């Protein structure tokens, strides 16, 4: 049990001084990992929860317009890297 206590203290030390917004995200990740390790939820639910942590894409443009905008924003480069 000593090892567990040492790990818990290390984790708490890492969390000290972090902003609240980061702590909320870390809490979600810890819960997800805990459920994954303990196998409490189905894999499908775990995947959905993991994706929920990533946030959602908020763009009302049609997909093709988004793709066109990405290509339009790219600029050609004459720089070449040597593979040798």
N, C-alpha and C. Protein backbone atom coordinates (compact mmCIF):
# COMPACT_ATOMS: atom_id res chain seq x y z
N UNK A 1 0.82 -1.21 0.00
CA UNK A 1 0.00 0.00 0.00
C UNK A 1 0.85 1.27 0.00
N UNK A 2 2.09 1.15 0.44
CA UNK A 2 2.96 2.32 0.46
C UNK A 2 3.15 2.88 -0.94
N UNK A 3 3.31 1.99 -1.91
CA UNK A 3 3.51 2.43 -3.29
C UNK A 3 2.31 3.22 -3.78
N UNK A 4 1.11 2.74 -3.45
CA UNK A 4 -0.10 3.45 -3.86
C UNK A 4 -0.13 4.86 -3.27
N UNK A 5 0.21 4.98 -2.00
CA UNK A 5 0.23 6.28 -1.34
C UNK A 5 1.24 7.21 -2.00
N UNK A 6 2.38 6.68 -2.36
CA UNK A 6 3.41 7.49 -3.03
C UNK A 6 2.89 8.01 -4.36
N UNK A 7 2.24 7.13 -5.12
CA UNK A 7 1.69 7.55 -6.42
C UNK A 7 0.60 8.60 -6.25
N UNK A 8 -0.26 8.41 -5.26
CA UNK A 8 -1.33 9.39 -5.02
C UNK A 8 -0.75 10.75 -4.66
N UNK A 9 0.29 10.76 -3.84
CA UNK A 9 0.93 12.03 -3.46
C UNK A 9 1.57 12.70 -4.67
N UNK A 10 2.19 11.91 -5.53
CA UNK A 10 2.81 12.47 -6.74
C UNK A 10 1.75 13.09 -7.66
N UNK A 11 0.64 12.39 -7.80
CA UNK A 11 -0.44 12.90 -8.65
C UNK A 11 -0.98 14.21 -8.09
N UNK A 12 -1.24 14.24 -6.79
CA UNK A 12 -1.75 15.47 -6.16
C UNK A 12 -0.76 16.62 -6.30
N UNK A 13 0.53 16.32 -6.18
CA UNK A 13 1.55 17.36 -6.33
C UNK A 13 1.53 17.94 -7.74
N UNK A 14 1.34 17.09 -8.75
CA UNK A 14 1.26 17.55 -10.13
C UNK A 14 0.06 18.46 -10.36
N UNK A 15 -1.01 18.22 -9.63
CA UNK A 15 -2.24 19.00 -9.83
C UNK A 15 -2.21 20.36 -9.13
N UNK A 16 -1.36 20.50 -8.14
CA UNK A 16 -1.31 21.75 -7.38
C UNK A 16 -0.92 22.92 -8.28
N UNK A 17 -1.67 24.00 -8.14
CA UNK A 17 -1.37 25.22 -8.86
C UNK A 17 -1.90 25.28 -10.28
N UNK A 18 -2.56 24.22 -10.72
CA UNK A 18 -3.11 24.23 -12.08
C UNK A 18 -4.40 25.04 -12.10
N UNK A 19 -4.70 25.70 -13.22
CA UNK A 19 -5.94 26.47 -13.31
C UNK A 19 -7.16 25.55 -13.26
N UNK A 20 -8.27 26.12 -12.80
CA UNK A 20 -9.49 25.33 -12.64
C UNK A 20 -9.94 24.71 -13.96
N UNK A 21 -9.80 25.45 -15.05
CA UNK A 21 -10.23 24.90 -16.34
C UNK A 21 -9.45 23.63 -16.69
N UNK A 22 -8.18 23.61 -16.36
CA UNK A 22 -7.36 22.42 -16.61
C UNK A 22 -7.77 21.28 -15.69
N UNK A 23 -8.08 21.61 -14.44
CA UNK A 23 -8.48 20.58 -13.49
C UNK A 23 -9.77 19.89 -13.92
N UNK A 24 -10.70 20.66 -14.48
CA UNK A 24 -11.96 20.07 -14.94
C UNK A 24 -11.70 19.07 -16.06
N UNK A 25 -10.81 19.42 -16.97
CA UNK A 25 -10.48 18.51 -18.07
C UNK A 25 -9.75 17.27 -17.56
N UNK A 26 -8.84 17.47 -16.64
CA UNK A 26 -8.09 16.35 -16.08
C UNK A 26 -9.03 15.40 -15.34
N UNK A 27 -9.99 15.97 -14.63
CA UNK A 27 -10.97 15.14 -13.93
C UNK A 27 -11.74 14.25 -14.91
N UNK A 28 -12.14 14.81 -16.04
CA UNK A 28 -12.86 14.02 -17.05
C UNK A 28 -11.98 12.90 -17.59
N UNK A 29 -10.72 13.22 -17.85
CA UNK A 29 -9.80 12.22 -18.38
C UNK A 29 -9.57 11.11 -17.35
N UNK A 30 -9.41 11.49 -16.09
CA UNK A 30 -9.20 10.49 -15.03
C UNK A 30 -10.41 9.57 -14.93
N UNK A 31 -11.60 10.13 -14.97
CA UNK A 31 -12.81 9.29 -14.90
C UNK A 31 -12.87 8.33 -16.08
N UNK A 32 -12.56 8.83 -17.26
CA UNK A 32 -12.58 7.99 -18.45
C UNK A 32 -11.56 6.86 -18.33
N UNK A 33 -10.35 7.19 -17.90
CA UNK A 33 -9.32 6.16 -17.74
C UNK A 33 -9.70 5.15 -16.66
N UNK A 34 -10.24 5.65 -15.57
CA UNK A 34 -10.65 4.77 -14.47
C UNK A 34 -11.71 3.77 -14.96
N UNK A 35 -12.69 4.26 -15.67
CA UNK A 35 -13.73 3.38 -16.19
C UNK A 35 -13.16 2.40 -17.20
N UNK A 36 -12.21 2.86 -18.00
CA UNK A 36 -11.60 1.99 -19.00
C UNK A 36 -10.80 0.87 -18.32
N UNK A 37 -10.01 1.22 -17.31
CA UNK A 37 -9.21 0.21 -16.61
C UNK A 37 -10.07 -0.76 -15.81
N UNK A 38 -11.13 -0.25 -15.22
CA UNK A 38 -11.98 -1.10 -14.39
C UNK A 38 -13.06 -1.81 -15.19
N UNK A 39 -13.23 -1.42 -16.44
CA UNK A 39 -14.19 -2.08 -17.32
C UNK A 39 -15.63 -1.90 -16.92
N UNK A 40 -15.98 -0.76 -16.36
CA UNK A 40 -17.35 -0.53 -15.91
C UNK A 40 -18.31 -0.21 -17.05
N UNK A 41 -17.80 0.36 -18.11
CA UNK A 41 -18.66 0.79 -19.21
C UNK A 41 -18.29 0.02 -20.47
N UNK A 42 -19.20 -0.03 -21.39
CA UNK A 42 -18.92 -0.71 -22.66
C UNK A 42 -17.92 0.11 -23.47
N UNK A 43 -17.25 -0.54 -24.40
CA UNK A 43 -16.27 0.15 -25.25
C UNK A 43 -16.92 1.26 -26.05
N UNK A 44 -18.15 1.05 -26.50
CA UNK A 44 -18.84 2.07 -27.29
C UNK A 44 -19.05 3.32 -26.46
N UNK A 45 -19.47 3.16 -25.21
CA UNK A 45 -19.67 4.32 -24.34
C UNK A 45 -18.35 5.01 -24.04
N UNK A 46 -17.28 4.25 -23.87
CA UNK A 46 -15.97 4.84 -23.61
C UNK A 46 -15.52 5.70 -24.78
N UNK A 47 -15.75 5.19 -25.98
CA UNK A 47 -15.37 5.95 -27.18
C UNK A 47 -16.16 7.24 -27.27
N UNK A 48 -17.45 7.17 -27.00
CA UNK A 48 -18.28 8.37 -27.04
C UNK A 48 -17.83 9.39 -26.00
N UNK A 49 -17.48 8.93 -24.82
CA UNK A 49 -17.03 9.85 -23.77
C UNK A 49 -15.68 10.46 -24.13
N UNK A 50 -14.79 9.65 -24.72
CA UNK A 50 -13.49 10.17 -25.13
C UNK A 50 -13.67 11.25 -26.19
N UNK A 51 -14.52 11.00 -27.17
CA UNK A 51 -14.76 12.00 -28.21
C UNK A 51 -15.40 13.25 -27.63
N UNK A 52 -16.21 13.11 -26.60
CA UNK A 52 -16.83 14.28 -25.96
C UNK A 52 -15.78 15.17 -25.32
N UNK A 53 -14.68 14.59 -24.88
CA UNK A 53 -13.60 15.39 -24.29
C UNK A 53 -12.92 16.28 -25.32
N UNK A 54 -12.97 15.86 -26.57
CA UNK A 54 -12.28 16.59 -27.63
C UNK A 54 -13.03 17.83 -28.09
N UNK A 55 -14.28 17.94 -27.73
CA UNK A 55 -15.08 19.07 -28.19
C UNK A 55 -15.70 18.78 -29.54
N UNK A 56 -16.58 19.62 -29.94
CA UNK A 56 -17.26 19.39 -31.22
C UNK A 56 -16.81 20.43 -32.24
N UNK A 57 -16.93 20.05 -33.48
CA UNK A 57 -16.56 20.92 -34.58
C UNK A 57 -17.68 21.92 -34.79
N UNK A 58 -17.36 23.19 -34.74
CA UNK A 58 -18.39 24.22 -34.87
C UNK A 58 -18.13 25.03 -36.13
N UNK A 59 -18.60 24.53 -37.23
CA UNK A 59 -18.43 25.22 -38.50
C UNK A 59 -19.70 24.96 -39.31
N UNK A 60 -20.37 26.02 -39.68
CA UNK A 60 -21.65 25.87 -40.37
C UNK A 60 -21.50 25.76 -41.88
N UNK A 61 -20.27 25.92 -42.37
CA UNK A 61 -20.04 25.83 -43.81
C UNK A 61 -20.18 24.39 -44.28
N UNK A 62 -20.62 24.20 -45.52
CA UNK A 62 -20.66 22.84 -46.07
C UNK A 62 -19.25 22.26 -46.14
N UNK A 63 -19.15 20.96 -46.11
CA UNK A 63 -17.85 20.29 -46.10
C UNK A 63 -16.99 20.71 -47.30
N UNK A 64 -17.58 20.72 -48.48
CA UNK A 64 -16.79 21.06 -49.67
C UNK A 64 -16.24 22.48 -49.58
N UNK A 65 -17.00 23.40 -49.01
CA UNK A 65 -16.50 24.77 -48.86
C UNK A 65 -15.33 24.80 -47.87
N UNK A 66 -15.41 24.02 -46.81
CA UNK A 66 -14.30 23.95 -45.86
C UNK A 66 -13.04 23.44 -46.54
N UNK A 67 -13.20 22.39 -47.34
CA UNK A 67 -12.06 21.82 -48.06
C UNK A 67 -11.48 22.84 -49.03
N UNK A 68 -12.34 23.51 -49.78
CA UNK A 68 -11.88 24.53 -50.72
C UNK A 68 -11.13 25.65 -50.01
N UNK A 69 -11.63 26.06 -48.84
CA UNK A 69 -10.97 27.11 -48.07
C UNK A 69 -9.59 26.68 -47.59
N UNK A 70 -9.45 25.42 -47.21
CA UNK A 70 -8.14 24.92 -46.78
C UNK A 70 -7.15 24.99 -47.93
N UNK A 71 -7.56 24.51 -49.10
CA UNK A 71 -6.67 24.56 -50.26
C UNK A 71 -6.35 26.00 -50.66
N UNK A 72 -7.32 26.88 -50.58
CA UNK A 72 -7.10 28.28 -50.95
C UNK A 72 -6.13 28.97 -50.00
N UNK A 73 -6.11 28.55 -48.75
CA UNK A 73 -5.24 29.17 -47.75
C UNK A 73 -3.80 28.69 -47.85
N UNK A 74 -3.59 27.59 -48.51
CA UNK A 74 -2.23 27.06 -48.66
C UNK A 74 -1.44 27.89 -49.66
N UNK A 75 -0.15 28.03 -49.37
CA UNK A 75 0.72 28.76 -50.29
C UNK A 75 1.81 27.81 -50.77
N UNK A 76 2.13 27.89 -52.04
CA UNK A 76 3.19 27.01 -52.56
C UNK A 76 4.54 27.42 -51.98
N UNK A 77 5.40 26.46 -51.81
CA UNK A 77 6.72 26.73 -51.28
C UNK A 77 7.77 26.17 -52.22
N UNK A 78 8.82 26.92 -52.41
CA UNK A 78 9.91 26.47 -53.26
C UNK A 78 11.01 25.82 -52.43
N UNK A 79 10.85 25.83 -51.12
CA UNK A 79 11.86 25.23 -50.26
C UNK A 79 11.81 23.72 -50.39
N UNK A 80 12.96 23.10 -50.46
CA UNK A 80 13.05 21.65 -50.57
C UNK A 80 13.97 21.13 -49.46
N UNK A 81 13.60 20.04 -48.89
CA UNK A 81 14.44 19.41 -47.88
C UNK A 81 15.25 18.31 -48.54
N UNK A 82 16.49 18.20 -48.15
CA UNK A 82 17.34 17.14 -48.66
C UNK A 82 17.06 15.87 -47.85
N UNK A 83 16.95 14.75 -48.54
CA UNK A 83 16.72 13.48 -47.86
C UNK A 83 18.03 12.77 -47.54
N UNK A 84 19.13 13.42 -47.84
CA UNK A 84 20.44 12.81 -47.57
C UNK A 84 21.05 13.34 -46.32
